[in-house]
Amino acid sequence: MCSSRKILWSLLLLSVVEVGLGVASIVLGAVGISWVRGEHKPQQGDASPVWSGLCVRPGN
């Protein structure tokens, strides 16, 4: 059976991994946005979240 110390260290390790993956996701998203931004002219609706298209459809 696992001791409570091993469980705590496992939870700490998993928490650090999760935070690291979250930071990596944010960094990759920012890099992707800046990379795409240089390739095309910004259009209406580029900064809108995906779900907002359910209520308001951007013009062509």
PDB file of N, CA and C in Angstrom:
ATOM      1  N   MET A   1       0.837  -1.180   0.000  1.00  0.00           N
ATOM      2  CA  MET A   1       0.000   0.000   0.000  1.00  0.00           C
ATOM      3  C   MET A   1       0.881   1.241   0.000  1.00  0.00           C
ATOM      4  N   CYS A   2       0.444   2.281  -0.643  1.00  0.00           N
ATOM      5  CA  CYS A   2       1.202   3.530  -0.730  1.00  0.00           C
ATOM      6  C   CYS A   2       1.064   4.319   0.562  1.00  0.00           C
ATOM      7  N   SER A   3       2.168   4.908   0.959  1.00  0.00           N
ATOM      8  CA  SER A   3       2.102   5.772   2.135  1.00  0.00           C
ATOM      9  C   SER A   3       1.563   7.138   1.722  1.00  0.00           C
ATOM     10  N   SER A   4       1.131   7.886   2.712  1.00  0.00           N
ATOM     11  CA  SER A   4       0.576   9.203   2.405  1.00  0.00           C
ATOM     12  C   SER A   4       1.650  10.131   1.839  1.00  0.00           C
ATOM     13  N   ARG A   5       2.908   9.902   2.192  1.00  0.00           N
ATOM     14  CA  ARG A   5       4.001  10.719   1.662  1.00  0.00           C
ATOM     15  C   ARG A   5       4.156  10.481   0.163  1.00  0.00           C
ATOM     16  N   LYS A   6       4.060   9.235  -0.270  1.00  0.00           N
ATOM     17  CA  LYS A   6       4.163   8.929  -1.699  1.00  0.00           C
ATOM     18  C   LYS A   6       2.977   9.511  -2.475  1.00  0.00           C
ATOM     19  N   ILE A   7       1.814   9.457  -1.878  1.00  0.00           N
ATOM     20  CA  ILE A   7       0.624  10.020  -2.533  1.00  0.00           C
ATOM     21  C   ILE A   7       0.777  11.528  -2.693  1.00  0.00           C
ATOM     22  N   LEU A   8       1.262  12.205  -1.650  1.00  0.00           N
ATOM     23  CA  LEU A   8       1.454  13.650  -1.726  1.00  0.00           C
ATOM     24  C   LEU A   8       2.487  14.018  -2.788  1.00  0.00           C
ATOM     25  N   TRP A   9       3.595  13.280  -2.865  1.00  0.00           N
ATOM     26  CA  TRP A   9       4.607  13.561  -3.874  1.00  0.00           C
ATOM     27  C   TRP A   9       4.071  13.294  -5.277  1.00  0.00           C
ATOM     28  N   SER A  10       3.257  12.272  -5.420  1.00  0.00           N
ATOM     29  CA  SER A  10       2.647  11.980  -6.720  1.00  0.00           C
ATOM     30  C   SER A  10       1.706  13.105  -7.143  1.00  0.00           C
ATOM     31  N   LEU A  11       0.896  13.587  -6.205  1.00  0.00           N
ATOM     32  CA  LEU A  11      -0.006  14.699  -6.507  1.00  0.00           C
ATOM     33  C   LEU A  11       0.772  15.967  -6.839  1.00  0.00           C
ATOM     34  N   LEU A  12       1.856  16.216  -6.136  1.00  0.00           N
ATOM     35  CA  LEU A  12       2.689  17.384  -6.420  1.00  0.00           C
ATOM     36  C   LEU A  12       3.301  17.285  -7.814  1.00  0.00           C
ATOM     37  N   LEU A  13       3.808  16.116  -8.160  1.00  0.00           N
ATOM     38  CA  LEU A  13       4.392  15.915  -9.483  1.00  0.00           C
ATOM     39  C   LEU A  13       3.353  16.094 -10.578  1.00  0.00           C
ATOM     40  N   LEU A  14       2.179  15.514 -10.400  1.00  0.00           N
ATOM     41  CA  LEU A  14       1.119  15.672 -11.395  1.00  0.00           C
ATOM     42  C   LEU A  14       0.671  17.127 -11.522  1.00  0.00           C
ATOM     43  N   SER A  15       0.641  17.846 -10.415  1.00  0.00           N
ATOM     44  CA  SER A  15       0.262  19.265 -10.446  1.00  0.00           C
ATOM     45  C   SER A  15       1.285  20.083 -11.217  1.00  0.00           C
ATOM     46  N   VAL A  16       2.562  19.811 -10.990  1.00  0.00           N
ATOM     47  CA  VAL A  16       3.620  20.528 -11.699  1.00  0.00           C
ATOM     48  C   VAL A  16       3.562  20.223 -13.191  1.00  0.00           C
ATOM     49  N   VAL A  17       3.316  18.969 -13.545  1.00  0.00           N
ATOM     50  CA  VAL A  17       3.200  18.596 -14.957  1.00  0.00           C
ATOM     51  C   VAL A  17       2.008  19.303 -15.593  1.00  0.00           C
ATOM     52  N   GLU A  18       0.886  19.350 -14.892  1.00  0.00           N
ATOM     53  CA  GLU A  18      -0.311  19.997 -15.432  1.00  0.00           C
ATOM     54  C   GLU A  18      -0.098  21.502 -15.633  1.00  0.00           C
ATOM     55  N   VAL A  19       0.532  22.147 -14.667  1.00  0.00           N
ATOM     56  CA  VAL A  19       0.817  23.577 -14.807  1.00  0.00           C
ATOM     57  C   VAL A  19       1.794  23.801 -15.962  1.00  0.00           C
ATOM     58  N   GLY A  20       2.789  22.944 -16.081  1.00  0.00           N
ATOM     59  CA  GLY A  20       3.744  23.059 -17.187  1.00  0.00           C
ATOM     60  C   GLY A  20       3.078  22.906 -18.538  1.00  0.00           C
ATOM     61  N   LEU A  21       2.175  21.953 -18.660  1.00  0.00           N
ATOM     62  CA  LEU A  21       1.454  21.780 -19.923  1.00  0.00           C
ATOM     63  C   LEU A  21       0.543  22.971 -20.209  1.00  0.00           C
ATOM     64  N   GLY A  22      -0.057  23.550 -19.186  1.00  0.00           N
ATOM     65  CA  GLY A  22      -0.893  24.729 -19.371  1.00  0.00           C
ATOM     66  C   GLY A  22      -0.083  25.921 -19.858  1.00  0.00           C
ATOM     67  N   VAL A  23       1.089  26.132 -19.266  1.00  0.00           N
ATOM     68  CA  VAL A  23       1.963  27.224 -19.700  1.00  0.00           C
ATOM     69  C   VAL A  23       2.436  26.988 -21.126  1.00  0.00           C
ATOM     70  N   ALA A  24       2.789  25.752 -21.450  1.00  0.00           N
ATOM     71  CA  ALA A  24       3.218  25.433 -22.816  1.00  0.00           C
ATOM     72  C   ALA A  24       2.091  25.673 -23.809  1.00  0.00           C
ATOM     73  N   SER A  25       0.876  25.360 -23.439  1.00  0.00           N
ATOM     74  CA  SER A  25      -0.265  25.596 -24.308  1.00  0.00           C
ATOM     75  C   SER A  25      -0.467  27.082 -24.569  1.00  0.00           C
ATOM     76  N   ILE A  26      -0.344  27.898 -23.539  1.00  0.00           N
ATOM     77  CA  ILE A  26      -0.486  29.345 -23.699  1.00  0.00           C
ATOM     78  C   ILE A  26       0.619  29.904 -24.581  1.00  0.00           C
ATOM     79  N   VAL A  27       1.844  29.463 -24.356  1.00  0.00           N
ATOM     80  CA  VAL A  27       2.973  29.946 -25.154  1.00  0.00           C
ATOM     81  C   VAL A  27       2.810  29.546 -26.612  1.00  0.00           C
ATOM     82  N   LEU A  28       2.443  28.295 -26.870  1.00  0.00           N
ATOM     83  CA  LEU A  28       2.252  27.849 -28.256  1.00  0.00           C
ATOM     84  C   LEU A  28       1.098  28.594 -28.922  1.00  0.00           C
ATOM     85  N   GLY A  29       0.050  28.889 -28.172  1.00  0.00           N
ATOM     86  CA  GLY A  29      -1.052  29.663 -28.720  1.00  0.00           C
ATOM     87  C   GLY A  29      -0.625  31.068 -29.101  1.00  0.00           C
ATOM     88  N   ALA A  30       0.165  31.708 -28.241  1.00  0.00           N
ATOM     89  CA  ALA A  30       0.644  33.059 -28.536  1.00  0.00           C
ATOM     90  C   ALA A  30       1.570  33.057 -29.745  1.00  0.00           C
ATOM     91  N   VAL A  31       2.437  32.067 -29.831  1.00  0.00           N
ATOM     92  CA  VAL A  31       3.335  31.961 -30.987  1.00  0.00           C
ATOM     93  C   VAL A  31       2.527  31.719 -32.258  1.00  0.00           C
ATOM     94  N   GLY A  32       1.532  30.861 -32.184  1.00  0.00           N
ATOM     95  CA  GLY A  32       0.692  30.575 -33.349  1.00  0.00           C
ATOM     96  C   GLY A  32      -0.072  31.797 -33.815  1.00  0.00           C
ATOM     97  N   ILE A  33      -0.601  32.575 -32.868  1.00  0.00           N
ATOM     98  CA  ILE A  33      -1.340  33.786 -33.228  1.00  0.00           C
ATOM     99  C   ILE A  33      -0.419  34.796 -33.894  1.00  0.00           C
ATOM    100  N   SER A  34       0.766  34.992 -33.323  1.00  0.00           N
ATOM    101  CA  SER A  34       1.683  35.970 -33.926  1.00  0.00           C
ATOM    102  C   SER A  34       2.175  35.497 -35.287  1.00  0.00           C
ATOM    103  N   TRP A  35       2.313  34.208 -35.472  1.00  0.00           N
ATOM    104  CA  TRP A  35       2.773  33.664 -36.749  1.00  0.00           C
ATOM    105  C   TRP A  35       1.696  33.843 -37.823  1.00  0.00           C
ATOM    106  N   VAL A  36       0.469  33.529 -37.484  1.00  0.00           N
ATOM    107  CA  VAL A  36      -0.629  33.658 -38.441  1.00  0.00           C
ATOM    108  C   VAL A  36      -0.937  35.131 -38.715  1.00  0.00           C
ATOM    109  N   ARG A  37      -0.814  35.963 -37.715  1.00  0.00           N
ATOM    110  CA  ARG A  37      -1.119  37.383 -37.869  1.00  0.00           C
ATOM    111  C   ARG A  37      -0.241  38.022 -38.942  1.00  0.00           C
ATOM    112  N   GLY A  38       0.993  37.563 -39.067  1.00  0.00           N
ATOM    113  CA  GLY A  38       1.895  38.111 -40.078  1.00  0.00           C
ATOM    114  C   GLY A  38       1.551  37.657 -41.479  1.00  0.00           C
ATOM    115  N   GLU A  39       0.764  36.592 -41.624  1.00  0.00           N
ATOM    116  CA  GLU A  39       0.475  36.026 -42.938  1.00  0.00           C
ATOM    117  C   GLU A  39      -0.799  36.557 -43.578  1.00  0.00           C
ATOM    118  N   HIS A  40      -1.766  37.011 -42.793  1.00  0.00           N
ATOM    119  CA  HIS A  40      -2.997  37.519 -43.400  1.00  0.00           C
ATOM    120  C   HIS A  40      -3.497  38.751 -42.661  1.00  0.00           C
ATOM    121  N   LYS A  41      -4.261  39.560 -43.378  1.00  0.00           N
ATOM    122  CA  LYS A  41      -4.814  40.784 -42.811  1.00  0.00           C
ATOM    123  C   LYS A  41      -5.909  40.412 -41.803  1.00  0.00           C
ATOM    124  N   PRO A  42      -5.896  41.049 -40.629  1.00  0.00           N
ATOM    125  CA  PRO A  42      -6.936  40.734 -39.639  1.00  0.00           C
ATOM    126  C   PRO A  42      -8.337  41.044 -40.186  1.00  0.00           C
ATOM    127  N   GLN A  43      -9.285  40.179 -39.863  1.00  0.00           N
ATOM    128  CA  GLN A  43     -10.658  40.339 -40.313  1.00  0.00           C
ATOM    129  C   GLN A  43     -11.590  40.376 -39.111  1.00  0.00           C
ATOM    130  N   GLN A  44     -12.805  40.859 -39.360  1.00  0.00           N
ATOM    131  CA  GLN A  44     -13.796  40.894 -38.296  1.00  0.00           C
ATOM    132  C   GLN A  44     -14.069  39.462 -37.839  1.00  0.00           C
ATOM    133  N   GLY A  45     -14.067  39.246 -36.565  1.00  0.00           N
ATOM    134  CA  GLY A  45     -14.349  37.927 -36.019  1.00  0.00           C
ATOM    135  C   GLY A  45     -13.108  37.111 -35.701  1.00  0.00           C
ATOM    136  N   ASP A  46     -11.897  37.606 -36.053  1.00  0.00           N
ATOM    137  CA  ASP A  46     -10.675  36.854 -35.751  1.00  0.00           C
ATOM    138  C   ASP A  46     -10.453  36.705 -34.246  1.00  0.00           C
ATOM    139  N   ALA A  47     -10.826  37.710 -33.473  1.00  0.00           N
ATOM    140  CA  ALA A  47     -10.598  37.672 -32.037  1.00  0.00           C
ATOM    141  C   ALA A  47     -11.800  37.125 -31.273  1.00  0.00           C
ATOM    142  N   SER A  48     -12.842  36.713 -31.975  1.00  0.00           N
ATOM    143  CA  SER A  48     -14.035  36.202 -31.317  1.00  0.00           C
ATOM    144  C   SER A  48     -13.867  34.736 -30.963  1.00  0.00           C
ATOM    145  N   PRO A  49     -14.370  34.329 -29.811  1.00  0.00           N
ATOM    146  CA  PRO A  49     -14.324  32.913 -29.475  1.00  0.00           C
ATOM    147  C   PRO A  49     -15.230  32.098 -30.407  1.00  0.00           C
ATOM    148  N   VAL A  50     -14.964  30.834 -30.499  1.00  0.00           N
ATOM    149  CA  VAL A  50     -15.699  29.964 -31.413  1.00  0.00           C
ATOM    150  C   VAL A  50     -17.189  29.962 -31.091  1.00  0.00           C
ATOM    151  N   TRP A  51     -17.545  29.920 -29.820  1.00  0.00           N
ATOM    152  CA  TRP A  51     -18.957  29.808 -29.444  1.00  0.00           C
ATOM    153  C   TRP A  51     -19.748  31.056 -29.772  1.00  0.00           C
ATOM    154  N   SER A  52     -19.072  32.216 -29.963  1.00  0.00           N
ATOM    155  CA  SER A  52     -19.826  33.439 -30.243  1.00  0.00           C
ATOM    156  C   SER A  52     -20.463  33.391 -31.629  1.00  0.00           C
ATOM    157  N   GLY A  53     -20.008  32.496 -32.479  1.00  0.00           N
ATOM    158  CA  GLY A  53     -20.611  32.352 -33.805  1.00  0.00           C
ATOM    159  C   GLY A  53     -22.014  31.802 -33.732  1.00  0.00           C
ATOM    160  N   LEU A  54     -22.382  31.221 -32.618  1.00  0.00           N
ATOM    161  CA  LEU A  54     -23.737  30.722 -32.459  1.00  0.00           C
ATOM    162  C   LEU A  54     -24.742  31.860 -32.369  1.00  0.00           C
ATOM    163  N   CYS A  55     -24.310  32.987 -31.794  1.00  0.00           N
ATOM    164  CA  CYS A  55     -25.220  34.103 -31.608  1.00  0.00           C
ATOM    165  C   CYS A  55     -25.057  35.171 -32.696  1.00  0.00           C
ATOM    166  N   VAL A  56     -23.828  35.469 -33.073  1.00  0.00           N
ATOM    167  CA  VAL A  56     -23.571  36.527 -34.039  1.00  0.00           C
ATOM    168  C   VAL A  56     -22.679  35.979 -35.139  1.00  0.00           C
ATOM    169  N   ARG A  57     -23.139  36.054 -36.353  1.00  0.00           N
ATOM    170  CA  ARG A  57     -22.364  35.563 -37.485  1.00  0.00           C
ATOM    171  C   ARG A  57     -21.659  36.748 -38.136  1.00  0.00           C
ATOM    172  N   PRO A  58     -20.299  36.736 -38.198  1.00  0.00           N
ATOM    173  CA  PRO A  58     -19.591  37.857 -38.807  1.00  0.00           C
ATOM    174  C   PRO A  58     -19.894  37.953 -40.300  1.00  0.00           C
ATOM    175  N   GLY A  59     -19.880  39.161 -40.822  1.00  0.00           N
ATOM    176  CA  GLY A  59     -20.145  39.390 -42.232  1.00  0.00           C
ATOM    177  C   GLY A  59     -19.020  38.900 -43.110  1.00  0.00           C
ATOM    178  N   ASN A  60     -19.320  38.746 -44.380  1.00  0.00           N
ATOM    179  CA  ASN A  60     -18.303  38.272 -45.316  1.00  0.00           C
ATOM    180  C   ASN A  60     -17.453  39.395 -45.731  1.00  0.00           C
TER     181      ASN A  60
END
